[in-house]
Amino acid sequence: MWARLREFTPARIGLGRVGGSLPTRGLLDFELAHARARDAVRARFDAAALAYELRVTGFGEVLVVSSQARDRMEYLLRPDLGRALDAESREKLKESRGDGCELAVVIADGLSAVAPKRHAVPLLREFLTALGSNRDKVTVVVANRGRVALGDEIGELLGAEAVVVLIGERPGLSSPDSLGVYLTWAPRVGRTDAERNCISNVRPEGLRYAAAALRLAYLLGEARRLKLSGVGLKDDSEGEGKASERRLAKDD
């Protein structure tokens, strides 16, 4: 019975026991998962390499910026520094603003540098496909040592109507590489989490790229129509976004 149930969840269920302890295999699997989660937090994020991959994939010019956190350890100990750009990056974005853009897409390492490295490019491909003929003028920015709120300052400096932040989520024992997606309409410094919409656990083993892209495109369209995001913007569970996800699941 337990073997059959384990097919439907990555949770550790029905591990068995040896006396008062776990079986050796269960203990080793737990320690491996813990090590992977710890490595994901400490992993180095190569922003320049990711920006190059995005350029050769066809995303045009990609800007690379940094937060005020000087290294990974300071980033982990000082979350506030990850929410603000350093002076050089701020000037770079001011020079790149031009007439503004409709959408800024920010890719940041977050708490799992592994996640954007694995999932950002395929998700963006699906997202642009989902936009179809309504494809926006998109500016892509890769941010070193960034938190979610860093997207607010980036979007404001670029004059973006909306900002989407793709960021590594806090690693878990079954998902060290989950990607989170945060949408904020009219980004500016001081926006709160209540003014954002979140799509979480984007990865092949969680919410697939195509399904996440459809949901994001749906939310972006509604944000543009209503001129808001966050708690005032609901994902219609019977609407186009979820219906498309169900069709994708049925096709599989």
Protein backbone atom coordinates (compact mmCIF):
# COMPACT_ATOMS: atom_id res chain seq x y z
CA MET A 1 0.00 0.00 0.00
CA TRP A 2 2.74 2.48 0.94
CA ALA A 3 4.69 1.77 -2.24
CA ARG A 4 1.64 2.68 -4.33
CA LEU A 5 0.97 5.89 -2.38
CA ARG A 6 4.59 6.99 -2.73
CA GLU A 7 4.05 7.18 -6.50
CA PHE A 8 1.83 10.24 -5.96
CA THR A 9 3.93 12.33 -3.58
CA PRO A 10 7.58 13.23 -2.89
CA ALA A 11 6.72 13.36 0.83
CA ARG A 12 8.45 10.83 3.07
CA ILE A 13 5.66 8.44 3.96
CA GLY A 14 5.71 4.82 5.03
CA LEU A 15 9.46 4.73 5.56
CA GLY A 16 9.28 1.77 7.90
CA ARG A 17 11.48 1.28 10.92
CA VAL A 18 14.27 -0.84 12.31
CA GLY A 19 13.63 -1.13 16.02
CA GLY A 20 13.13 2.45 17.16
CA SER A 21 15.02 3.97 14.21
CA LEU A 22 14.61 4.66 10.52
CA PRO A 23 15.89 2.18 7.96
CA THR A 24 19.36 3.06 6.65
CA ARG A 25 18.03 3.92 3.17
CA GLY A 26 15.46 6.34 4.55
CA LEU A 27 18.06 8.08 6.70
CA LEU A 28 20.54 8.40 3.83
CA ASP A 29 17.84 9.76 1.50
CA PHE A 30 16.95 12.40 4.10
CA GLU A 31 20.57 13.44 4.56
CA LEU A 32 21.03 13.68 0.78
CA ALA A 33 17.93 15.89 0.43
CA HIS A 34 19.15 18.09 3.27
CA ALA A 35 22.57 18.44 1.62
CA ARG A 36 20.99 19.40 -1.72
CA ALA A 37 18.85 22.07 -0.05
CA ARG A 38 21.87 23.46 1.79
CA ASP A 39 23.96 23.49 -1.40
CA ALA A 40 21.18 25.31 -3.27
CA VAL A 41 21.24 28.14 -0.69
CA ARG A 42 25.01 28.48 -0.92
CA ALA A 43 25.38 27.95 -4.67
CA ARG A 44 27.08 30.61 -6.76
CA PHE A 45 24.86 32.47 -9.23
CA ASP A 46 26.56 33.23 -12.54
CA ALA A 47 24.49 36.19 -13.74
CA ALA A 48 26.76 36.91 -16.71
CA ALA A 49 26.45 33.34 -18.01
CA LEU A 50 22.66 33.39 -17.67
CA ALA A 51 22.48 36.75 -19.45
CA TYR A 52 24.57 35.35 -22.30
CA GLU A 53 22.29 32.30 -22.57
CA LEU A 54 19.27 34.59 -22.76
CA ARG A 55 20.87 36.69 -25.50
CA VAL A 56 21.79 33.74 -27.71
CA THR A 57 18.32 32.28 -27.12
CA GLY A 58 16.80 35.38 -28.69
CA PHE A 59 15.85 37.68 -25.82
CA GLY A 60 17.86 40.60 -27.16
CA GLU A 61 19.87 42.87 -24.89
CA VAL A 62 19.89 41.66 -21.28
CA LEU A 63 20.96 43.95 -18.43
CA VAL A 64 22.97 42.62 -15.47
CA VAL A 65 22.64 44.42 -12.13
CA SER A 66 23.50 43.79 -8.47
CA SER A 67 21.91 44.51 -5.13
CA GLN A 68 23.72 46.23 -2.29
CA ALA A 69 24.72 42.86 -0.80
CA ARG A 70 28.41 42.41 -1.60
CA ASP A 71 28.57 38.62 -1.40
CA ARG A 72 26.38 35.58 -0.77
CA MET A 73 26.92 35.48 2.98
CA GLU A 74 26.01 39.14 3.43
CA TYR A 75 22.97 38.55 1.23
CA LEU A 76 21.78 35.74 3.51
CA LEU A 77 22.43 37.69 6.72
CA ARG A 78 21.06 41.05 5.50
CA PRO A 79 17.81 40.60 3.53
CA ASP A 80 17.36 44.38 3.41
CA LEU A 81 20.48 44.78 1.25
CA GLY A 82 19.03 42.37 -1.31
CA ARG A 83 16.02 44.64 -1.78
CA ALA A 84 17.96 47.66 -3.07
CA LEU A 85 20.25 48.22 -6.05
CA ASP A 86 23.84 49.34 -5.69
CA ALA A 87 24.74 52.76 -7.08
CA GLU A 88 26.33 51.47 -10.30
CA SER A 89 23.30 49.35 -11.19
CA ARG A 90 20.95 52.23 -10.49
CA GLU A 91 22.80 54.46 -12.92
CA LYS A 92 22.90 51.71 -15.54
CA LEU A 93 19.11 51.34 -15.44
CA LYS A 94 18.55 55.09 -15.60
CA GLU A 95 20.65 55.23 -18.76
CA SER A 96 18.73 52.28 -20.26
CA ARG A 97 15.27 53.63 -19.52
CA GLY A 98 14.57 55.38 -22.81
CA ASP A 99 10.83 55.76 -23.28
CA GLY A 100 10.11 53.06 -20.70
CA CYS A 101 8.86 49.53 -21.31
CA GLU A 102 5.62 47.65 -20.96
CA LEU A 103 7.08 44.78 -18.95
CA ALA A 104 10.31 44.25 -17.03
CA VAL A 105 11.31 40.66 -16.34
CA VAL A 106 13.81 40.30 -13.50
CA ILE A 107 15.66 37.03 -12.92
CA ALA A 108 17.26 36.79 -9.47
CA ASP A 109 19.00 34.07 -7.52
CA GLY A 110 16.91 34.36 -4.35
CA LEU A 111 17.44 31.56 -1.84
CA SER A 112 18.11 28.92 -4.49
CA ALA A 113 20.57 30.00 -7.16
CA VAL A 114 20.01 26.61 -8.81
CA ALA A 115 16.37 27.38 -9.66
CA PRO A 116 16.78 30.31 -12.11
CA LYS A 117 19.74 28.59 -13.75
CA ARG A 118 17.57 25.55 -14.56
CA HIS A 119 14.13 27.02 -15.13
CA ALA A 120 14.21 30.72 -16.08
CA VAL A 121 14.99 30.32 -19.80
CA PRO A 122 12.47 27.55 -20.60
CA LEU A 123 9.77 29.37 -18.60
CA LEU A 124 10.38 32.63 -20.46
CA ARG A 125 10.17 30.82 -23.81
CA GLU A 126 6.77 29.43 -22.87
CA PHE A 127 5.65 32.80 -21.49
CA LEU A 128 6.39 34.66 -24.73
CA THR A 129 4.57 31.92 -26.64
CA ALA A 130 1.57 32.24 -24.31
CA LEU A 131 1.43 36.01 -24.95
CA GLY A 132 1.03 35.30 -28.67
CA SER A 133 -0.03 38.34 -30.69
CA ASN A 134 -0.27 40.34 -27.44
CA ARG A 135 3.46 39.93 -26.83
CA ASP A 136 4.73 42.88 -24.84
CA LYS A 137 7.78 45.01 -25.21
CA VAL A 138 9.90 43.14 -22.66
CA THR A 139 13.11 44.25 -20.95
CA VAL A 140 15.02 41.41 -19.29
CA VAL A 141 17.26 42.06 -16.28
CA VAL A 142 19.42 39.52 -14.42
CA ALA A 143 20.05 40.51 -10.80
CA ASN A 144 22.82 39.30 -8.53
CA ARG A 145 21.83 38.62 -4.93
CA GLY A 146 18.30 39.94 -5.37
CA ARG A 147 15.18 39.62 -3.25
CA VAL A 148 11.64 39.91 -4.63
CA ALA A 149 11.32 43.61 -3.76
CA LEU A 150 14.37 44.44 -5.88
CA GLY A 151 12.04 44.17 -8.87
CA ASP A 152 10.10 47.20 -7.64
CA GLU A 153 13.11 49.48 -7.90
CA ILE A 154 14.16 47.97 -11.23
CA GLY A 155 10.69 48.37 -12.70
CA GLU A 156 10.41 51.95 -11.45
CA LEU A 157 13.77 52.96 -12.91
CA LEU A 158 12.91 51.37 -16.26
CA GLY A 159 9.49 53.03 -16.34
CA ALA A 160 7.78 49.64 -16.66
CA GLU A 161 4.01 49.20 -16.49
CA ALA A 162 4.54 45.89 -14.70
CA VAL A 163 7.40 43.79 -13.39
CA VAL A 164 7.71 40.01 -13.21
CA VAL A 165 10.36 38.57 -10.89
CA LEU A 166 11.59 35.01 -11.45
CA ILE A 167 13.43 33.98 -8.29
CA GLY A 168 14.71 30.90 -6.52
CA GLU A 169 12.42 29.90 -3.67
CA ARG A 170 13.52 28.73 -0.24
CA PRO A 171 14.74 25.13 -0.78
CA GLY A 172 12.80 22.28 0.78
CA LEU A 173 13.71 18.66 1.38
CA SER A 174 11.83 17.60 -1.75
CA SER A 175 12.38 20.70 -3.92
CA PRO A 176 15.80 22.39 -3.78
CA ASP A 177 15.23 24.11 -7.16
CA SER A 178 11.71 25.56 -7.12
CA LEU A 179 11.25 28.81 -9.04
CA GLY A 180 8.85 31.48 -7.80
CA VAL A 181 7.18 34.06 -10.07
CA TYR A 182 5.98 37.41 -8.71
CA LEU A 183 3.89 39.91 -10.68
CA THR A 184 3.57 43.55 -9.58
CA TRP A 185 1.61 46.20 -11.45
CA ALA A 186 3.01 49.76 -11.49
CA PRO A 187 6.20 48.81 -9.61
CA ARG A 188 7.80 51.35 -7.31
CA VAL A 189 9.90 51.25 -4.17
CA GLY A 190 7.70 50.60 -1.15
CA ARG A 191 5.27 48.12 -2.71
CA THR A 192 4.18 45.41 -0.26
CA ASP A 193 3.70 41.68 -0.74
CA ALA A 194 -0.06 42.27 -0.63
CA GLU A 195 0.35 44.14 -3.93
CA ARG A 196 1.89 41.16 -5.75
CA ASN A 197 0.62 37.92 -7.26
CA CYS A 198 2.72 34.79 -6.76
CA ILE A 199 3.03 31.60 -8.79
CA SER A 200 5.16 29.09 -6.91
CA ASN A 201 6.93 25.73 -7.35
CA VAL A 202 7.65 26.15 -11.06
CA ARG A 203 9.73 23.16 -12.18
CA PRO A 204 9.11 19.98 -14.17
CA GLU A 205 8.22 18.06 -10.98
CA GLY A 206 5.86 20.80 -9.78
CA LEU A 207 3.99 23.38 -11.87
CA ARG A 208 5.20 22.84 -15.43
CA TYR A 209 6.59 25.64 -17.56
CA ALA A 210 3.66 25.78 -20.00
CA ALA A 211 1.05 25.83 -17.23
CA ALA A 212 2.93 28.50 -15.28
CA ALA A 213 3.36 30.61 -18.42
CA LEU A 214 -0.35 30.46 -19.22
CA ARG A 215 -1.26 31.48 -15.69
CA LEU A 216 1.24 34.34 -15.75
CA ALA A 217 -0.01 35.59 -19.11
CA TYR A 218 -3.58 35.47 -17.79
CA LEU A 219 -2.68 37.40 -14.63
CA LEU A 220 -0.71 39.98 -16.62
CA GLY A 221 -3.66 40.55 -18.93
CA GLU A 222 -6.00 41.00 -15.97
CA ALA A 223 -3.51 43.30 -14.22
CA ARG A 224 -3.38 45.48 -17.32
CA ARG A 225 -7.16 45.55 -17.57
CA LEU A 226 -7.76 46.34 -13.89
CA LYS A 227 -4.61 48.44 -13.37
CA LEU A 228 -3.68 46.54 -10.20
CA SER A 229 -2.10 43.38 -8.82
CA GLY A 230 -2.05 41.58 -5.47
CA VAL A 231 -5.05 40.76 -3.31
CA GLY A 232 -7.35 42.72 -5.62
CA LEU A 233 -6.41 40.53 -8.60
CA LYS A 234 -7.83 37.01 -8.48
CA ASP A 235 -6.96 34.06 -10.68
CA ASP A 236 -10.32 32.92 -12.06
CA SER A 237 -10.24 29.20 -11.33
CA GLU A 238 -12.87 28.56 -13.99
CA GLY A 239 -11.40 31.02 -16.46
CA GLU A 240 -9.02 30.82 -19.34
CA GLY A 241 -5.83 30.30 -17.34
CA LYS A 242 -6.94 27.27 -15.32
CA ALA A 243 -8.90 25.78 -18.22
CA SER A 244 -5.77 25.88 -20.36
CA GLU A 245 -3.81 24.18 -17.59
CA ARG A 246 -6.39 21.39 -17.45
CA ARG A 247 -6.17 20.95 -21.21
CA LEU A 248 -2.39 20.66 -20.99
CA ALA A 249 -2.67 18.05 -18.24
CA LYS A 250 -5.20 16.09 -20.32
CA ASP A 251 -2.89 16.18 -23.35
CA ASP A 252 -0.12 14.58 -21.26
